[in-house]
Amino acid sequence: MSVVAPPEGAALPSGFWETLDWNEARAADADSFRGMLEAANRETNLVGAATLPQFWTRHFLDSAQLLWFEREAVRWADLGSGAGLPGLVLAILLKGREGARVDLVESMAKRCRFLQSVVDRLDLPAMVRHGRAEDFHLQVEVVTARACAPLDRLLDFAAPFMGLGARGLFLKGADAQAEIDAARGRWRFETKCETSLSDPRGRLLSIRNLTRGPRR
């Protein structure tokens, strides 16, 4: 299949879409997801309606870049999955990879029904988990979240996963450093901050060695 990159204008690293194994089948799945999201959004507030015309950069690429930074990971958990961003995007890109699975953790039943409808229609390697993130103890390689909670609270949700060996990789905005500083009042951790590939104002926080207690 020929490589068909979704329309976007961001400056990406050389070989970005090839590394993510982008092809016509993934493009078709991604476009089907876009259509389902637009349709569901008329009934349920999954994403801001004004952001849908920028689906490919604002939502798809923003989510897809996680796999660029964690290219070997096949087991993921998406906390507060909501509209499936980034979890469903990761599942689309991991479809067909041996051992791949994305756990979509969401507390709202209506959103879980949407997530399950996309998983079923596109036959994605994902499992919808209805409940609070802190109630699950799943062994994954990477735990992620987007627009879920400030980092201080997000680490409460991620701690059970990270206690079982997961790495944290979280999508954040321009105030990421302020969130890091606030989180250090309750947590000790190592972090690396990357500039987003979809929006230079955004940040990706890679977090390791999480333990409770303020930085000393």
Protein backbone atom coordinates (compact mmCIF):
# COMPACT_ATOMS: atom_id res chain seq x y z
CA MET A 1 0.00 0.00 0.00
CA SER A 2 1.22 3.51 -0.72
CA VAL A 3 1.92 5.84 2.16
CA VAL A 4 -0.83 8.44 2.51
CA ALA A 5 -0.10 11.06 5.15
CA PRO A 6 -3.11 12.89 6.55
CA PRO A 7 -3.24 16.58 5.61
CA GLU A 8 -1.27 18.62 8.13
CA GLY A 9 1.11 21.53 8.06
CA ALA A 10 3.39 20.94 11.03
CA ALA A 11 7.12 20.42 10.43
CA LEU A 12 7.67 16.77 11.33
CA PRO A 13 10.89 14.77 11.74
CA SER A 14 12.10 12.98 8.65
CA GLY A 15 10.40 9.60 8.28
CA PHE A 16 7.68 10.36 10.83
CA TRP A 17 4.77 8.67 9.05
CA GLU A 18 6.94 5.84 7.69
CA THR A 19 8.09 5.07 11.24
CA LEU A 20 4.46 4.93 12.34
CA ASP A 21 3.75 2.53 9.43
CA TRP A 22 1.17 4.87 7.91
CA ASN A 23 -0.63 3.39 4.91
CA GLU A 24 -3.97 3.39 3.11
CA ALA A 25 -5.60 1.00 5.58
CA ARG A 26 -4.64 3.17 8.56
CA ALA A 27 -5.76 6.28 6.67
CA ALA A 28 -9.16 4.66 6.08
CA ASP A 29 -9.50 3.71 9.76
CA ALA A 30 -8.48 7.21 10.82
CA ASP A 31 -11.00 8.83 8.50
CA SER A 32 -13.73 6.48 9.74
CA PHE A 33 -12.87 7.47 13.31
CA ARG A 34 -13.06 11.14 12.32
CA GLY A 35 -16.52 10.62 10.86
CA MET A 36 -17.76 8.72 13.91
CA LEU A 37 -16.38 11.40 16.22
CA GLU A 38 -18.10 14.17 14.28
CA ALA A 39 -21.41 12.30 14.31
CA ALA A 40 -21.24 11.44 18.03
CA ASN A 41 -20.18 14.95 18.93
CA ARG A 42 -23.57 16.26 17.79
CA GLU A 43 -25.18 14.28 20.62
CA THR A 44 -22.41 14.10 23.22
CA ASN A 45 -19.81 16.70 24.07
CA LEU A 46 -16.66 14.70 23.32
CA VAL A 47 -14.47 17.50 21.91
CA GLY A 48 -15.01 21.19 21.24
CA ALA A 49 -17.02 21.47 18.03
CA ALA A 50 -14.77 24.30 16.84
CA THR A 51 -11.76 21.94 16.89
CA LEU A 52 -13.20 19.35 14.50
CA PRO A 53 -12.13 21.16 11.29
CA GLN A 54 -8.56 20.82 12.59
CA PHE A 55 -9.01 17.11 13.36
CA TRP A 56 -5.82 15.96 11.64
CA THR A 57 -3.42 18.32 13.44
CA ARG A 58 -5.31 19.27 16.61
CA HIS A 59 -6.39 15.73 17.45
CA PHE A 60 -4.91 12.97 15.27
CA LEU A 61 -1.32 14.17 14.92
CA ASP A 62 -1.28 15.41 18.51
CA SER A 63 -2.11 11.87 19.63
CA ALA A 64 -0.02 10.01 17.04
CA GLN A 65 3.19 11.72 18.10
CA LEU A 66 3.16 9.71 21.33
CA LEU A 67 4.12 6.64 19.33
CA TRP A 68 7.01 8.54 17.77
CA PHE A 69 8.46 9.11 21.24
CA GLU A 70 7.71 5.53 22.42
CA ARG A 71 8.14 3.59 19.20
CA GLU A 72 8.65 0.12 20.66
CA ALA A 73 5.75 0.19 23.13
CA VAL A 74 2.74 -1.96 22.24
CA ARG A 75 0.87 -2.00 25.57
CA TRP A 76 -0.66 1.35 26.51
CA ALA A 77 -3.25 2.71 28.94
CA ASP A 78 -5.11 5.94 28.12
CA LEU A 79 -6.57 7.53 31.27
CA GLY A 80 -9.76 9.55 30.94
CA SER A 81 -9.96 8.41 27.34
CA GLY A 82 -13.14 10.37 26.58
CA ALA A 83 -13.22 10.79 22.80
CA GLY A 84 -10.42 8.25 22.37
CA LEU A 85 -7.70 10.86 22.18
CA PRO A 86 -5.03 9.63 22.26
CA GLY A 87 -6.09 6.01 22.88
CA LEU A 88 -8.05 5.25 19.71
CA VAL A 89 -5.40 6.94 17.56
CA LEU A 90 -2.74 4.75 19.17
CA ALA A 91 -4.89 1.66 18.57
CA ILE A 92 -5.28 2.58 14.88
CA LEU A 93 -1.51 2.92 14.52
CA LEU A 94 -0.81 -0.28 16.49
CA LYS A 95 -3.38 -2.41 14.66
CA GLY A 96 -1.64 -5.53 13.37
CA ARG A 97 1.38 -5.21 15.69
CA GLU A 98 2.04 -8.39 17.66
CA GLY A 99 0.99 -8.06 21.31
CA ALA A 100 -0.60 -4.64 20.83
CA ARG A 101 -3.36 -3.48 23.15
CA VAL A 102 -4.58 -0.11 24.36
CA ASP A 103 -6.66 0.04 27.54
CA LEU A 104 -9.15 2.90 27.27
CA VAL A 105 -10.00 3.92 30.84
CA GLU A 106 -13.09 6.11 31.12
CA SER A 107 -15.52 6.76 34.00
CA MET A 108 -18.50 8.05 31.96
CA ALA A 109 -20.75 5.34 30.52
CA LYS A 110 -21.87 7.43 27.53
CA ARG A 111 -18.28 7.97 26.46
CA CYS A 112 -17.50 4.29 26.99
CA ARG A 113 -20.29 3.42 24.56
CA PHE A 114 -18.74 5.69 21.94
CA LEU A 115 -15.29 4.20 22.49
CA GLN A 116 -16.65 0.65 22.21
CA SER A 117 -18.51 1.50 18.99
CA VAL A 118 -15.26 2.66 17.35
CA VAL A 119 -13.27 -0.32 18.66
CA ASP A 120 -15.90 -2.73 17.31
CA ARG A 121 -16.38 -1.05 13.93
CA LEU A 122 -12.65 -0.72 13.19
CA ASP A 123 -11.64 -4.00 14.89
CA LEU A 124 -9.01 -2.23 16.97
CA PRO A 125 -6.62 -3.82 19.50
CA ALA A 126 -8.20 -1.96 22.42
CA MET A 127 -10.25 -2.70 25.52
CA VAL A 128 -12.69 -0.22 27.05
CA ARG A 129 -12.44 -0.09 30.85
CA HIS A 130 -15.42 1.59 32.51
CA GLY A 131 -14.38 3.04 35.86
CA ARG A 132 -12.08 5.40 37.69
CA ALA A 133 -8.43 5.25 36.65
CA GLU A 134 -7.17 4.80 40.20
CA ASP A 135 -9.29 1.65 40.58
CA PHE A 136 -7.39 -0.20 37.85
CA HIS A 137 -4.05 -1.92 38.29
CA LEU A 138 -3.02 -2.87 34.76
CA GLN A 139 0.45 -3.83 33.64
CA VAL A 140 1.31 -1.74 30.58
CA GLU A 141 4.45 -0.25 29.10
CA VAL A 142 3.21 3.34 28.85
CA VAL A 143 0.42 5.21 30.61
CA THR A 144 -0.80 8.36 28.91
CA ALA A 145 -3.50 11.02 29.06
CA ARG A 146 -4.62 14.13 27.25
CA ALA A 147 -6.68 16.94 28.79
CA CYS A 148 -7.47 14.68 31.74
CA ALA A 149 -6.29 16.59 34.84
CA PRO A 150 -3.47 18.81 36.12
CA LEU A 151 -0.26 16.81 36.55
CA ASP A 152 -0.54 16.69 40.35
CA ARG A 153 -3.90 14.88 40.15
CA LEU A 154 -2.98 12.96 37.01
CA LEU A 155 -0.13 11.29 38.88
CA ASP A 156 -2.65 10.03 41.45
CA PHE A 157 -4.43 8.27 38.59
CA ALA A 158 -1.23 7.02 36.94
CA ALA A 159 0.57 5.85 40.10
CA PRO A 160 -0.97 2.31 40.15
CA PHE A 161 0.15 1.75 36.56
CA MET A 162 3.59 3.25 37.11
CA GLY A 163 3.99 1.18 40.26
CA LEU A 164 3.78 -1.89 38.01
CA GLY A 165 6.52 -0.58 35.74
CA ALA A 166 4.77 1.72 33.29
CA ARG A 167 6.40 4.87 31.98
CA GLY A 168 4.36 8.06 31.92
CA LEU A 169 3.98 10.09 28.70
CA PHE A 170 1.47 12.92 29.00
CA LEU A 171 0.27 15.57 26.57
CA LYS A 172 0.29 19.04 28.15
CA GLY A 173 -0.03 22.67 27.15
CA ALA A 174 2.19 25.71 27.43
CA ASP A 175 1.88 25.77 31.23
CA ALA A 176 3.55 22.36 31.59
CA GLN A 177 6.43 23.68 33.71
CA ALA A 178 4.03 25.22 36.21
CA GLU A 179 2.25 21.86 36.48
CA ILE A 180 5.58 20.10 37.06
CA ASP A 181 6.50 22.55 39.81
CA ALA A 182 3.11 22.12 41.50
CA ALA A 183 3.31 18.31 41.28
CA ARG A 184 6.70 18.26 42.99
CA GLY A 185 4.94 19.41 46.15
CA ARG A 186 3.55 15.87 46.50
CA TRP A 187 5.63 13.68 44.20
CA ARG A 188 9.21 12.80 43.40
CA PHE A 189 9.94 11.88 39.79
CA GLU A 190 12.30 12.28 36.86
CA THR A 191 10.91 14.12 33.86
CA LYS A 192 11.89 15.08 30.35
CA CYS A 193 9.93 17.77 28.54
CA GLU A 194 9.60 17.59 24.74
CA THR A 195 8.10 20.20 22.41
CA SER A 196 4.92 18.99 20.75
CA LEU A 197 5.19 18.08 17.07
CA SER A 198 1.63 19.24 16.42
CA ASP A 199 1.82 22.64 18.15
CA PRO A 200 5.06 24.29 19.33
CA ARG A 201 3.18 25.66 22.34
CA GLY A 202 2.40 22.15 23.58
CA ARG A 203 4.60 19.82 25.59
CA LEU A 204 5.02 16.08 26.11
CA LEU A 205 6.07 15.10 29.62
CA SER A 206 7.97 11.84 29.93
CA ILE A 207 7.97 10.74 33.58
CA ARG A 208 9.93 7.97 35.29
CA ASN A 209 10.67 6.75 38.84
CA LEU A 210 7.51 8.11 40.43
CA THR A 211 7.29 7.99 44.24
CA ARG A 212 5.12 9.82 46.73
CA GLY A 213 6.53 12.69 48.71
CA PRO A 214 7.82 16.21 47.96
CA ARG A 215 11.15 16.75 46.26
CA ARG A 216 13.94 17.03 48.80
